[in-house]
Amino acid sequence: MDTIQIVLEPELLRATDAAAKRARLNRSALVRQALREHLRRLKIKELEDRDRRGYQRRPQKVSKISRWEKVAVWPEK
């Protein structure tokens, strides 16, 4: 692992330390975990945006959608 230096406002640092204490992690572990989660969400958003742009460029025809609606019925409870 590499060591980096970041600058946090005092309030954010206090909140980070409190969250780390609640999670029983040290500050570095909490920040690593938070950064991984943030990067995962960014990747998902990028993929969703890519798919959205693709469907906007080439919208599905109603006839194709209706075929899937017959198969994708939620089971009754």
Protein backbone atom coordinates (compact mmCIF):
# COMPACT_ATOMS: atom_id res chain seq x y z
CA MET A 1 0.00 0.00 0.00
CA ASP A 2 1.05 3.56 -0.63
CA THR A 3 0.68 6.38 1.85
CA ILE A 4 -1.03 9.56 0.70
CA GLN A 5 -1.90 12.81 2.35
CA ILE A 6 -5.36 14.38 2.13
CA VAL A 7 -6.75 17.59 3.56
CA LEU A 8 -10.11 17.48 5.37
CA GLU A 9 -12.13 20.19 7.02
CA PRO A 10 -12.21 19.77 10.82
CA GLU A 11 -15.91 18.84 10.78
CA LEU A 12 -15.37 16.14 8.14
CA LEU A 13 -12.40 14.76 10.06
CA ARG A 14 -14.46 14.56 13.26
CA ALA A 15 -17.29 12.80 11.42
CA THR A 16 -14.79 10.40 9.81
CA ASP A 17 -13.22 9.54 13.15
CA ALA A 18 -16.65 9.02 14.74
CA ALA A 19 -17.76 6.76 11.88
CA ALA A 20 -14.52 4.78 12.07
CA LYS A 21 -15.01 4.29 15.80
CA ARG A 22 -18.60 3.09 15.29
CA ALA A 23 -17.47 0.69 12.54
CA ARG A 24 -14.51 -0.44 14.68
CA LEU A 25 -12.08 0.50 11.91
CA ASN A 26 -9.13 2.81 11.86
CA ARG A 27 -9.43 6.02 9.88
CA SER A 28 -7.45 4.70 6.91
CA ALA A 29 -9.57 1.56 6.62
CA LEU A 30 -12.77 3.59 6.73
CA VAL A 31 -11.52 5.99 4.04
CA ARG A 32 -10.40 3.04 1.84
CA GLN A 33 -13.81 1.41 2.28
CA ALA A 34 -15.64 4.65 1.49
CA LEU A 35 -13.48 5.30 -1.57
CA ARG A 36 -14.04 1.77 -2.91
CA GLU A 37 -17.80 2.19 -2.48
CA HIS A 38 -17.73 5.60 -4.17
CA LEU A 39 -15.74 4.23 -7.12
CA ARG A 40 -18.14 1.29 -7.41
CA ARG A 41 -21.12 3.67 -7.55
CA LEU A 42 -19.36 5.84 -10.14
CA LYS A 43 -18.75 2.77 -12.32
CA ILE A 44 -22.40 1.73 -12.07
CA LYS A 45 -23.50 5.26 -12.96
CA GLU A 46 -21.16 5.29 -15.97
CA LEU A 47 -22.59 1.97 -17.19
CA GLU A 48 -26.17 3.14 -16.66
CA ASP A 49 -25.43 6.40 -18.53
CA ARG A 50 -23.84 4.44 -21.38
CA ASP A 51 -26.86 2.16 -21.63
CA ARG A 52 -29.26 5.11 -21.44
CA ARG A 53 -27.44 6.87 -24.29
CA GLY A 54 -27.53 3.68 -26.34
CA TYR A 55 -31.27 3.26 -25.87
CA GLN A 56 -31.81 6.94 -26.71
CA ARG A 57 -29.84 6.52 -29.95
CA ARG A 58 -31.66 3.31 -30.85
CA PRO A 59 -34.99 3.12 -29.02
CA GLN A 60 -36.67 -0.28 -28.81
CA LYS A 61 -39.74 -0.83 -30.93
CA VAL A 62 -42.99 -1.38 -29.03
CA SER A 63 -43.39 -4.81 -30.66
CA LYS A 64 -40.06 -6.00 -29.20
CA ILE A 65 -40.88 -4.65 -25.75
CA SER A 66 -44.29 -6.30 -25.62
CA ARG A 67 -42.73 -9.72 -26.33
CA TRP A 68 -40.57 -9.36 -23.19
CA GLU A 69 -43.46 -8.13 -21.08
CA LYS A 70 -45.21 -11.47 -21.53
CA VAL A 71 -42.15 -13.32 -20.21
CA ALA A 72 -41.18 -10.88 -17.46
CA VAL A 73 -44.30 -11.15 -15.33
CA TRP A 74 -43.80 -10.92 -11.57
CA PRO A 75 -45.01 -14.03 -9.76
CA GLU A 76 -48.21 -13.72 -7.78
CA LYS A 77 -47.86 -13.93 -3.99
